[in-house]
Amino acid sequence: MNSMMKQAQKLQKKMLKMQEELATKTVEATAGGGMVKVIANGSQKIEAITLEREVVDPEDIEMLQDLILAATNDALNKSQEMVSAHMGKLTGGMNLPGMM
């Protein structure tokens, strides 16, 4: 039992270190042929949104909103995939509920 606790603590330390590392890694997603760019980090936080001047049309705000939404969702999906891939390496593919 003591050995299992030590292994669990070791795994927890590795996971915390990985979470810190993932917070510094970013992914990028675009929409509208690159007119809208969103960057998210491994902590599932949006770090930047960049809009090309040409995509800002006061007569079509709905299109801009849709592009921002699409790029943001794509960035968050890519971020989650990045986290899952890194965590899978750490856990050996085991699905550990609540670990991220």
C-alpha atoms as a PDB file:
ATOM      1  CA  MET A   1       0.000   0.000   0.000  1.00  0.00           C
ATOM      2  CA  ASN A   2       2.851   2.380   0.861  1.00  0.00           C
ATOM      3  CA  SER A   3       4.449   1.691  -2.507  1.00  0.00           C
ATOM      4  CA  MET A   4       1.209   2.587  -4.307  1.00  0.00           C
ATOM      5  CA  MET A   5       0.991   5.865  -2.406  1.00  0.00           C
ATOM      6  CA  LYS A   6       4.548   6.757  -3.370  1.00  0.00           C
ATOM      7  CA  GLN A   7       3.818   5.971  -7.016  1.00  0.00           C
ATOM      8  CA  ALA A   8       0.650   8.076  -6.909  1.00  0.00           C
ATOM      9  CA  GLN A   9       2.554  10.991  -5.387  1.00  0.00           C
ATOM     10  CA  LYS A  10       5.271  10.668  -8.010  1.00  0.00           C
ATOM     11  CA  LEU A  11       2.668  10.664 -10.779  1.00  0.00           C
ATOM     12  CA  GLN A  12       0.957  13.685  -9.245  1.00  0.00           C
ATOM     13  CA  LYS A  13       4.242  15.634  -9.204  1.00  0.00           C
ATOM     14  CA  LYS A  14       4.879  14.740 -12.837  1.00  0.00           C
ATOM     15  CA  MET A  15       1.356  15.841 -13.780  1.00  0.00           C
ATOM     16  CA  LEU A  16       1.748  19.180 -12.009  1.00  0.00           C
ATOM     17  CA  LYS A  17       5.031  19.779 -13.819  1.00  0.00           C
ATOM     18  CA  MET A  18       3.405  18.882 -17.129  1.00  0.00           C
ATOM     19  CA  GLN A  19       0.495  21.246 -16.463  1.00  0.00           C
ATOM     20  CA  GLU A  20       2.974  24.057 -15.831  1.00  0.00           C
ATOM     21  CA  GLU A  21       4.793  23.231 -19.067  1.00  0.00           C
ATOM     22  CA  LEU A  22       1.543  23.030 -21.050  1.00  0.00           C
ATOM     23  CA  ALA A  23       0.528  26.478 -19.796  1.00  0.00           C
ATOM     24  CA  THR A  24       3.491  27.859 -21.749  1.00  0.00           C
ATOM     25  CA  LYS A  25       2.712  25.960 -24.974  1.00  0.00           C
ATOM     26  CA  THR A  26       0.323  27.445 -27.505  1.00  0.00           C
ATOM     27  CA  VAL A  27      -1.748  26.391 -30.471  1.00  0.00           C
ATOM     28  CA  GLU A  28      -3.091  28.562 -33.264  1.00  0.00           C
ATOM     29  CA  ALA A  29      -6.328  28.341 -35.195  1.00  0.00           C
ATOM     30  CA  THR A  30      -7.637  30.462 -38.036  1.00  0.00           C
ATOM     31  CA  ALA A  31     -10.914  31.107 -39.801  1.00  0.00           C
ATOM     32  CA  GLY A  32     -11.897  32.973 -42.923  1.00  0.00           C
ATOM     33  CA  GLY A  33      -8.776  31.993 -44.811  1.00  0.00           C
ATOM     34  CA  GLY A  34      -6.540  33.327 -42.055  1.00  0.00           C
ATOM     35  CA  MET A  35      -8.420  36.593 -41.602  1.00  0.00           C
ATOM     36  CA  VAL A  36      -9.139  35.689 -37.956  1.00  0.00           C
ATOM     37  CA  LYS A  37      -6.423  34.077 -35.832  1.00  0.00           C
ATOM     38  CA  VAL A  38      -6.806  32.812 -32.262  1.00  0.00           C
ATOM     39  CA  ILE A  39      -4.003  31.561 -30.020  1.00  0.00           C
ATOM     40  CA  ALA A  40      -4.783  29.389 -26.986  1.00  0.00           C
ATOM     41  CA  ASN A  41      -2.461  27.824 -24.426  1.00  0.00           C
ATOM     42  CA  GLY A  42      -2.421  24.421 -22.772  1.00  0.00           C
ATOM     43  CA  SER A  43      -4.392  25.811 -19.836  1.00  0.00           C
ATOM     44  CA  GLN A  44      -7.368  26.318 -22.147  1.00  0.00           C
ATOM     45  CA  LYS A  45      -6.962  30.101 -22.046  1.00  0.00           C
ATOM     46  CA  ILE A  46      -7.173  32.369 -25.069  1.00  0.00           C
ATOM     47  CA  GLU A  47      -3.955  34.371 -25.310  1.00  0.00           C
ATOM     48  CA  ALA A  48      -4.595  36.433 -28.434  1.00  0.00           C
ATOM     49  CA  ILE A  49      -7.095  37.191 -31.161  1.00  0.00           C
ATOM     50  CA  THR A  50      -5.873  38.854 -34.331  1.00  0.00           C
ATOM     51  CA  LEU A  51      -8.172  40.272 -37.009  1.00  0.00           C
ATOM     52  CA  GLU A  52      -7.083  41.365 -40.454  1.00  0.00           C
ATOM     53  CA  ARG A  53      -8.416  44.812 -41.282  1.00  0.00           C
ATOM     54  CA  GLU A  54     -10.271  43.518 -44.359  1.00  0.00           C
ATOM     55  CA  VAL A  55     -12.510  41.213 -42.297  1.00  0.00           C
ATOM     56  CA  VAL A  56     -13.969  44.097 -40.277  1.00  0.00           C
ATOM     57  CA  ASP A  57     -17.090  45.113 -42.175  1.00  0.00           C
ATOM     58  CA  PRO A  58     -19.536  47.265 -40.192  1.00  0.00           C
ATOM     59  CA  GLU A  59     -22.291  46.046 -42.512  1.00  0.00           C
ATOM     60  CA  ASP A  60     -21.657  42.366 -41.660  1.00  0.00           C
ATOM     61  CA  ILE A  61     -20.880  42.062 -37.947  1.00  0.00           C
ATOM     62  CA  GLU A  62     -22.520  38.608 -37.841  1.00  0.00           C
ATOM     63  CA  MET A  63     -19.909  37.164 -40.219  1.00  0.00           C
ATOM     64  CA  LEU A  64     -17.071  38.505 -38.062  1.00  0.00           C
ATOM     65  CA  GLN A  65     -18.691  37.056 -34.946  1.00  0.00           C
ATOM     66  CA  ASP A  66     -19.032  33.668 -36.646  1.00  0.00           C
ATOM     67  CA  LEU A  67     -15.380  33.702 -37.739  1.00  0.00           C
ATOM     68  CA  ILE A  68     -14.177  34.610 -34.248  1.00  0.00           C
ATOM     69  CA  LEU A  69     -16.341  31.896 -32.726  1.00  0.00           C
ATOM     70  CA  ALA A  70     -15.119  29.280 -35.218  1.00  0.00           C
ATOM     71  CA  ALA A  71     -11.449  30.145 -34.698  1.00  0.00           C
ATOM     72  CA  THR A  72     -11.841  30.240 -30.909  1.00  0.00           C
ATOM     73  CA  ASN A  73     -13.556  26.854 -30.759  1.00  0.00           C
ATOM     74  CA  ASP A  74     -10.923  25.375 -33.058  1.00  0.00           C
ATOM     75  CA  ALA A  75      -8.107  26.789 -30.905  1.00  0.00           C
ATOM     76  CA  LEU A  76      -9.640  25.365 -27.735  1.00  0.00           C
ATOM     77  CA  ASN A  77     -10.126  21.967 -29.417  1.00  0.00           C
ATOM     78  CA  LYS A  78      -6.488  21.968 -30.553  1.00  0.00           C
ATOM     79  CA  SER A  79      -5.404  22.944 -27.055  1.00  0.00           C
ATOM     80  CA  GLN A  80      -7.370  20.065 -25.548  1.00  0.00           C
ATOM     81  CA  GLU A  81      -5.871  17.646 -28.069  1.00  0.00           C
ATOM     82  CA  MET A  82      -2.391  18.882 -27.161  1.00  0.00           C
ATOM     83  CA  VAL A  83      -3.089  18.374 -23.459  1.00  0.00           C
ATOM     84  CA  SER A  84      -4.555  14.907 -24.045  1.00  0.00           C
ATOM     85  CA  ALA A  85      -1.553  13.855 -26.122  1.00  0.00           C
ATOM     86  CA  HIS A  86       0.906  14.989 -23.452  1.00  0.00           C
ATOM     87  CA  MET A  87      -1.102  13.450 -20.615  1.00  0.00           C
ATOM     88  CA  GLY A  88      -1.402  10.181 -22.545  1.00  0.00           C
ATOM     89  CA  LYS A  89       2.385   9.986 -22.666  1.00  0.00           C
ATOM     90  CA  LEU A  90       2.558  10.495 -18.912  1.00  0.00           C
ATOM     91  CA  THR A  91      -0.205   8.068 -17.958  1.00  0.00           C
ATOM     92  CA  GLY A  92       0.646   5.444 -20.559  1.00  0.00           C
ATOM     93  CA  GLY A  93      -2.737   5.865 -22.201  1.00  0.00           C
ATOM     94  CA  MET A  94      -4.702   5.188 -19.013  1.00  0.00           C
ATOM     95  CA  ASN A  95      -7.806   7.318 -18.699  1.00  0.00           C
ATOM     96  CA  LEU A  96      -7.561   8.828 -15.229  1.00  0.00           C
ATOM     97  CA  PRO A  97     -10.788  10.705 -14.449  1.00  0.00           C
ATOM     98  CA  GLY A  98     -10.358  14.177 -13.014  1.00  0.00           C
ATOM     99  CA  MET A  99      -6.711  14.480 -13.986  1.00  0.00           C
ATOM    100  CA  MET A 100      -7.432  17.120 -16.668  1.00  0.00           C
END
